[in-house]
Amino acid sequence: MRVSGRSGGPLVQDHVALDEIELYGELMIAASTAAEDRLSPARIDEVLRVGRDHERKGRG
């Protein structure tokens, strides 16, 4: 996502916004392919890769 500066300065990329858009897209794909009406909290965590850093560090 490119955002212009306040005074019309150079364009910058908002990497946080791009990451959030990507995760939202992954959730939408998972929801559209799910057999059930709603994604379970565990499936949402799986799609969003929640806890993977902790697992690598041996904390999960």
N, C-alpha and C. Protein backbone atom coordinates (compact mmCIF):
# COMPACT_ATOMS: atom_id res chain seq x y z
N MET A 1 0.85 -1.16 0.00
CA MET A 1 0.00 0.00 0.00
C MET A 1 0.90 1.23 0.00
N ARG A 2 0.65 2.15 -0.89
CA ARG A 2 1.44 3.38 -0.96
C ARG A 2 0.62 4.52 -0.38
N VAL A 3 1.26 5.30 0.45
CA VAL A 3 0.60 6.43 1.09
C VAL A 3 1.44 7.67 0.86
N SER A 4 0.79 8.75 0.45
CA SER A 4 1.55 9.97 0.21
C SER A 4 1.83 10.66 1.53
N GLY A 5 2.90 11.42 1.54
CA GLY A 5 3.23 12.19 2.73
C GLY A 5 2.20 13.27 2.98
N ARG A 6 2.23 13.86 4.17
CA ARG A 6 1.23 14.87 4.53
C ARG A 6 1.30 16.10 3.64
N SER A 7 2.47 16.47 3.25
CA SER A 7 2.60 17.68 2.43
C SER A 7 2.82 17.32 0.96
N GLY A 8 2.28 16.18 0.56
CA GLY A 8 2.44 15.78 -0.83
C GLY A 8 3.84 15.28 -1.11
N GLY A 9 4.55 14.85 -0.08
CA GLY A 9 5.91 14.36 -0.21
C GLY A 9 5.96 13.01 -0.91
N PRO A 10 7.09 12.35 -0.80
CA PRO A 10 7.26 11.07 -1.50
C PRO A 10 6.32 10.00 -0.95
N LEU A 11 6.03 9.02 -1.78
CA LEU A 11 5.17 7.91 -1.39
C LEU A 11 5.97 6.91 -0.56
N VAL A 12 5.32 6.33 0.43
CA VAL A 12 5.95 5.30 1.25
C VAL A 12 5.03 4.08 1.26
N GLN A 13 5.59 2.94 1.60
CA GLN A 13 4.80 1.73 1.68
C GLN A 13 4.51 1.43 3.15
N ASP A 14 3.29 1.06 3.44
CA ASP A 14 2.87 0.70 4.79
C ASP A 14 2.89 -0.82 4.88
N HIS A 15 4.01 -1.36 5.36
CA HIS A 15 4.18 -2.81 5.39
C HIS A 15 3.22 -3.48 6.38
N VAL A 16 2.88 -2.81 7.45
CA VAL A 16 1.93 -3.38 8.42
C VAL A 16 0.56 -3.54 7.75
N ALA A 17 0.12 -2.53 7.03
CA ALA A 17 -1.17 -2.61 6.33
C ALA A 17 -1.14 -3.73 5.29
N LEU A 18 -0.05 -3.86 4.57
CA LEU A 18 0.06 -4.92 3.57
C LEU A 18 0.00 -6.30 4.23
N ASP A 19 0.66 -6.47 5.37
CA ASP A 19 0.61 -7.74 6.09
C ASP A 19 -0.80 -8.04 6.57
N GLU A 20 -1.49 -7.03 7.08
CA GLU A 20 -2.87 -7.23 7.56
C GLU A 20 -3.79 -7.61 6.41
N ILE A 21 -3.62 -6.98 5.26
CA ILE A 21 -4.44 -7.30 4.09
C ILE A 21 -4.18 -8.74 3.65
N GLU A 22 -2.93 -9.18 3.68
CA GLU A 22 -2.60 -10.55 3.31
C GLU A 22 -3.24 -11.55 4.27
N LEU A 23 -3.16 -11.28 5.57
CA LEU A 23 -3.78 -12.18 6.55
C LEU A 23 -5.29 -12.22 6.39
N TYR A 24 -5.90 -11.08 6.15
CA TYR A 24 -7.35 -11.02 5.92
C TYR A 24 -7.72 -11.87 4.71
N GLY A 25 -6.93 -11.76 3.66
CA GLY A 25 -7.18 -12.57 2.46
C GLY A 25 -7.08 -14.05 2.75
N GLU A 26 -6.10 -14.45 3.56
CA GLU A 26 -5.96 -15.85 3.91
C GLU A 26 -7.17 -16.34 4.72
N LEU A 27 -7.68 -15.49 5.60
CA LEU A 27 -8.88 -15.85 6.36
C LEU A 27 -10.08 -16.00 5.44
N MET A 28 -10.21 -15.11 4.47
CA MET A 28 -11.33 -15.17 3.53
C MET A 28 -11.27 -16.46 2.70
N ILE A 29 -10.08 -16.84 2.27
CA ILE A 29 -9.92 -18.07 1.50
C ILE A 29 -10.28 -19.27 2.36
N ALA A 30 -9.79 -19.28 3.59
CA ALA A 30 -10.09 -20.40 4.50
C ALA A 30 -11.59 -20.49 4.76
N ALA A 31 -12.22 -19.36 4.97
CA ALA A 31 -13.66 -19.35 5.23
C ALA A 31 -14.45 -19.82 4.02
N SER A 32 -14.01 -19.45 2.85
CA SER A 32 -14.76 -19.82 1.64
C SER A 32 -14.62 -21.30 1.31
N THR A 33 -13.57 -21.94 1.79
CA THR A 33 -13.36 -23.35 1.50
C THR A 33 -13.76 -24.25 2.66
N ALA A 34 -14.19 -23.67 3.78
CA ALA A 34 -14.55 -24.45 4.96
C ALA A 34 -15.88 -25.17 4.75
N ALA A 35 -15.96 -26.38 5.27
CA ALA A 35 -17.20 -27.14 5.17
C ALA A 35 -18.25 -26.63 6.15
N GLU A 36 -17.80 -26.12 7.29
CA GLU A 36 -18.73 -25.63 8.30
C GLU A 36 -19.09 -24.17 8.03
N ASP A 37 -20.09 -23.67 8.74
CA ASP A 37 -20.55 -22.30 8.55
C ASP A 37 -19.54 -21.27 9.05
N ARG A 38 -18.83 -21.60 10.13
CA ARG A 38 -17.86 -20.67 10.72
C ARG A 38 -16.54 -21.37 10.94
N LEU A 39 -15.48 -20.61 10.92
CA LEU A 39 -14.17 -21.16 11.26
C LEU A 39 -14.07 -21.28 12.77
N SER A 40 -13.52 -22.37 13.23
CA SER A 40 -13.31 -22.54 14.67
C SER A 40 -12.15 -21.64 15.10
N PRO A 41 -12.10 -21.30 16.37
CA PRO A 41 -10.95 -20.51 16.86
C PRO A 41 -9.61 -21.20 16.57
N ALA A 42 -9.57 -22.51 16.66
CA ALA A 42 -8.34 -23.24 16.36
C ALA A 42 -7.95 -23.09 14.90
N ARG A 43 -8.93 -23.14 13.99
CA ARG A 43 -8.65 -22.99 12.56
C ARG A 43 -8.19 -21.57 12.24
N ILE A 44 -8.79 -20.59 12.89
CA ILE A 44 -8.36 -19.20 12.69
C ILE A 44 -6.92 -19.04 13.13
N ASP A 45 -6.57 -19.60 14.30
CA ASP A 45 -5.19 -19.54 14.77
C ASP A 45 -4.24 -20.21 13.79
N GLU A 46 -4.68 -21.33 13.22
CA GLU A 46 -3.86 -22.04 12.25
C GLU A 46 -3.62 -21.19 11.01
N VAL A 47 -4.68 -20.58 10.49
CA VAL A 47 -4.57 -19.75 9.28
C VAL A 47 -3.67 -18.54 9.55
N LEU A 48 -3.81 -17.93 10.72
CA LEU A 48 -3.03 -16.74 11.05
C LEU A 48 -1.65 -17.08 11.61
N ARG A 49 -1.36 -18.38 11.71
CA ARG A 49 -0.07 -18.84 12.20
C ARG A 49 0.21 -18.35 13.63
N VAL A 50 -0.82 -18.36 14.47
CA VAL A 50 -0.68 -17.93 15.86
C VAL A 50 0.11 -18.99 16.62
N GLY A 51 1.09 -18.57 17.37
CA GLY A 51 1.85 -19.46 18.22
C GLY A 51 3.04 -20.13 17.57
N ARG A 52 3.27 -19.94 16.31
CA ARG A 52 4.39 -20.62 15.65
C ARG A 52 5.74 -20.15 16.18
N ASP A 53 5.89 -18.88 16.50
CA ASP A 53 7.15 -18.39 17.05
C ASP A 53 7.42 -19.04 18.40
N HIS A 54 6.37 -19.21 19.21
CA HIS A 54 6.52 -19.83 20.51
C HIS A 54 6.91 -21.30 20.37
N GLU A 55 6.36 -21.98 19.37
CA GLU A 55 6.67 -23.38 19.15
C GLU A 55 8.14 -23.55 18.77
N ARG A 56 8.64 -22.64 17.95
CA ARG A 56 10.05 -22.72 17.53
C ARG A 56 10.99 -22.51 18.72
N LYS A 57 10.57 -21.69 19.66
CA LYS A 57 11.40 -21.39 20.83
C LYS A 57 11.21 -22.41 21.94
N GLY A 58 10.33 -23.39 21.72
CA GLY A 58 10.10 -24.40 22.72
C GLY A 58 9.17 -23.98 23.84
N ARG A 59 8.39 -22.93 23.61
CA ARG A 59 7.47 -22.44 24.63
C ARG A 59 6.04 -22.88 24.38
N GLY A 60 5.74 -23.44 23.23
CA GLY A 60 4.37 -23.74 22.87
C GLY A 60 4.04 -25.11 23.13
